[in-house]
Amino acid sequence: MTKEELPLHFIVIQMVCDNLSEQFIIMQTICDKRLN
């Protein structure tokens, strides 16, 4: 992997992680509403 590819790869990972964390928060919110 070249130095040019690395930043893009990192950005993709960040985007995926951010997306997963957002979905997790949404799931947590739904679960909280069901519990309450």
PDB file of N, CA and C in Angstrom:
ATOM      1  N   MET A   1       0.845  -1.205   0.000  1.00  0.00           N
ATOM      2  CA  MET A   1       0.000   0.000   0.000  1.00  0.00           C
ATOM      3  C   MET A   1       0.876   1.250   0.000  1.00  0.00           C
ATOM      4  N   THR A   2       0.653   2.135  -0.951  1.00  0.00           N
ATOM      5  CA  THR A   2       1.480   3.332  -1.078  1.00  0.00           C
ATOM      6  C   THR A   2       0.990   4.406  -0.113  1.00  0.00           C
ATOM      7  N   LYS A   3       1.807   5.424   0.067  1.00  0.00           N
ATOM      8  CA  LYS A   3       1.428   6.530   0.957  1.00  0.00           C
ATOM      9  C   LYS A   3       0.230   7.285   0.411  1.00  0.00           C
ATOM     10  N   GLU A   4       0.041   7.254  -0.905  1.00  0.00           N
ATOM     11  CA  GLU A   4      -1.108   7.941  -1.497  1.00  0.00           C
ATOM     12  C   GLU A   4      -2.405   7.209  -1.182  1.00  0.00           C
ATOM     13  N   GLU A   5      -2.338   5.883  -1.106  1.00  0.00           N
ATOM     14  CA  GLU A   5      -3.545   5.101  -0.855  1.00  0.00           C
ATOM     15  C   GLU A   5      -3.944   5.094   0.617  1.00  0.00           C
ATOM     16  N   LEU A   6      -2.977   5.213   1.461  1.00  0.00           N
ATOM     17  CA  LEU A   6      -3.242   5.108   2.894  1.00  0.00           C
ATOM     18  C   LEU A   6      -4.262   6.120   3.422  1.00  0.00           C
ATOM     19  N   PRO A   7      -4.131   7.421   3.127  1.00  0.00           N
ATOM     20  CA  PRO A   7      -5.107   8.385   3.643  1.00  0.00           C
ATOM     21  C   PRO A   7      -6.535   8.047   3.209  1.00  0.00           C
ATOM     22  N   LEU A   8      -6.699   7.665   1.958  1.00  0.00           N
ATOM     23  CA  LEU A   8      -8.027   7.329   1.455  1.00  0.00           C
ATOM     24  C   LEU A   8      -8.568   6.124   2.219  1.00  0.00           C
ATOM     25  N   HIS A   9      -7.734   5.141   2.419  1.00  0.00           N
ATOM     26  CA  HIS A   9      -8.123   3.948   3.164  1.00  0.00           C
ATOM     27  C   HIS A   9      -8.561   4.334   4.576  1.00  0.00           C
ATOM     28  N   PHE A  10      -7.821   5.204   5.194  1.00  0.00           N
ATOM     29  CA  PHE A  10      -8.134   5.654   6.547  1.00  0.00           C
ATOM     30  C   PHE A  10      -9.468   6.399   6.577  1.00  0.00           C
ATOM     31  N   ILE A  11      -9.687   7.228   5.573  1.00  0.00           N
ATOM     32  CA  ILE A  11     -10.940   7.995   5.494  1.00  0.00           C
ATOM     33  C   ILE A  11     -12.128   7.049   5.351  1.00  0.00           C
ATOM     34  N   VAL A  12     -11.970   6.019   4.540  1.00  0.00           N
ATOM     35  CA  VAL A  12     -13.057   5.040   4.354  1.00  0.00           C
ATOM     36  C   VAL A  12     -13.352   4.347   5.677  1.00  0.00           C
ATOM     37  N   ILE A  13     -12.320   3.943   6.387  1.00  0.00           N
ATOM     38  CA  ILE A  13     -12.498   3.296   7.689  1.00  0.00           C
ATOM     39  C   ILE A  13     -13.218   4.235   8.652  1.00  0.00           C
ATOM     40  N   GLN A  14     -12.805   5.492   8.658  1.00  0.00           N
ATOM     41  CA  GLN A  14     -13.443   6.485   9.532  1.00  0.00           C
ATOM     42  C   GLN A  14     -14.929   6.631   9.197  1.00  0.00           C
ATOM     43  N   MET A  15     -15.239   6.678   7.902  1.00  0.00           N
ATOM     44  CA  MET A  15     -16.631   6.829   7.473  1.00  0.00           C
ATOM     45  C   MET A  15     -17.458   5.628   7.919  1.00  0.00           C
ATOM     46  N   VAL A  16     -16.895   4.432   7.754  1.00  0.00           N
ATOM     47  CA  VAL A  16     -17.609   3.215   8.153  1.00  0.00           C
ATOM     48  C   VAL A  16     -17.826   3.202   9.661  1.00  0.00           C
ATOM     49  N   CYS A  17     -16.792   3.561  10.407  1.00  0.00           N
ATOM     50  CA  CYS A  17     -16.900   3.574  11.866  1.00  0.00           C
ATOM     51  C   CYS A  17     -17.930   4.609  12.318  1.00  0.00           C
ATOM     52  N   ASP A  18     -17.913   5.772  11.701  1.00  0.00           N
ATOM     53  CA  ASP A  18     -18.875   6.819  12.052  1.00  0.00           C
ATOM     54  C   ASP A  18     -20.296   6.335  11.762  1.00  0.00           C
ATOM     55  N   ASN A  19     -20.463   5.680  10.620  1.00  0.00           N
ATOM     56  CA  ASN A  19     -21.782   5.181  10.234  1.00  0.00           C
ATOM     57  C   ASN A  19     -22.250   4.130  11.226  1.00  0.00           C
ATOM     58  N   LEU A  20     -21.352   3.234  11.623  1.00  0.00           N
ATOM     59  CA  LEU A  20     -21.704   2.182  12.575  1.00  0.00           C
ATOM     60  C   LEU A  20     -22.085   2.786  13.920  1.00  0.00           C
ATOM     61  N   SER A  21     -21.340   3.774  14.354  1.00  0.00           N
ATOM     62  CA  SER A  21     -21.622   4.388  15.652  1.00  0.00           C
ATOM     63  C   SER A  21     -22.972   5.110  15.621  1.00  0.00           C
ATOM     64  N   GLU A  22     -23.297   5.734  14.489  1.00  0.00           N
ATOM     65  CA  GLU A  22     -24.596   6.405  14.366  1.00  0.00           C
ATOM     66  C   GLU A  22     -25.724   5.389  14.429  1.00  0.00           C
ATOM     67  N   GLN A  23     -25.556   4.269  13.739  1.00  0.00           N
ATOM     68  CA  GLN A  23     -26.584   3.231  13.745  1.00  0.00           C
ATOM     69  C   GLN A  23     -26.722   2.652  15.139  1.00  0.00           C
ATOM     70  N   PHE A  24     -25.613   2.514  15.851  1.00  0.00           N
ATOM     71  CA  PHE A  24     -25.649   1.973  17.204  1.00  0.00           C
ATOM     72  C   PHE A  24     -26.422   2.905  18.127  1.00  0.00           C
ATOM     73  N   ILE A  25     -26.186   4.194  17.982  1.00  0.00           N
ATOM     74  CA  ILE A  25     -26.900   5.190  18.797  1.00  0.00           C
ATOM     75  C   ILE A  25     -28.396   5.119  18.502  1.00  0.00           C
ATOM     76  N   ILE A  26     -28.751   4.976  17.240  1.00  0.00           N
ATOM     77  CA  ILE A  26     -30.166   4.867  16.856  1.00  0.00           C
ATOM     78  C   ILE A  26     -30.765   3.614  17.482  1.00  0.00           C
ATOM     79  N   MET A  27     -30.053   2.500  17.431  1.00  0.00           N
ATOM     80  CA  MET A  27     -30.540   1.254  18.031  1.00  0.00           C
ATOM     81  C   MET A  27     -30.703   1.421  19.536  1.00  0.00           C
ATOM     82  N   GLN A  28     -29.742   2.073  20.171  1.00  0.00           N
ATOM     83  CA  GLN A  28     -29.816   2.317  21.608  1.00  0.00           C
ATOM     84  C   GLN A  28     -31.050   3.144  21.946  1.00  0.00           C
ATOM     85  N   THR A  29     -31.312   4.150  21.141  1.00  0.00           N
ATOM     86  CA  THR A  29     -32.472   5.018  21.361  1.00  0.00           C
ATOM     87  C   THR A  29     -33.768   4.223  21.243  1.00  0.00           C
ATOM     88  N   ILE A  30     -33.848   3.374  20.225  1.00  0.00           N
ATOM     89  CA  ILE A  30     -35.044   2.552  20.022  1.00  0.00           C
ATOM     90  C   ILE A  30     -35.222   1.608  21.205  1.00  0.00           C
ATOM     91  N   CYS A  31     -34.139   0.987  21.660  1.00  0.00           N
ATOM     92  CA  CYS A  31     -34.204   0.063  22.791  1.00  0.00           C
ATOM     93  C   CYS A  31     -34.637   0.807  24.056  1.00  0.00           C
ATOM     94  N   ASP A  32     -34.106   1.995  24.252  1.00  0.00           N
ATOM     95  CA  ASP A  32     -34.476   2.789  25.428  1.00  0.00           C
ATOM     96  C   ASP A  32     -35.967   3.114  25.405  1.00  0.00           C
ATOM     97  N   LYS A  33     -36.484   3.468  24.244  1.00  0.00           N
ATOM     98  CA  LYS A  33     -37.914   3.810  24.136  1.00  0.00           C
ATOM     99  C   LYS A  33     -38.772   2.595  24.430  1.00  0.00           C
ATOM    100  N   ARG A  34     -38.336   1.423  24.005  1.00  0.00           N
ATOM    101  CA  ARG A  34     -39.108   0.204  24.244  1.00  0.00           C
ATOM    102  C   ARG A  34     -39.087  -0.147  25.726  1.00  0.00           C
ATOM    103  N   LEU A  35     -37.953   0.072  26.375  1.00  0.00           N
ATOM    104  CA  LEU A  35     -37.847  -0.228  27.803  1.00  0.00           C
ATOM    105  C   LEU A  35     -38.717   0.732  28.610  1.00  0.00           C
ATOM    106  N   ASN A  36     -38.747   1.985  28.172  1.00  0.00           N
ATOM    107  CA  ASN A  36     -39.551   2.972  28.881  1.00  0.00           C
ATOM    108  C   ASN A  36     -40.964   2.918  28.328  1.00  0.00           C
TER     109      ASN A  36
END
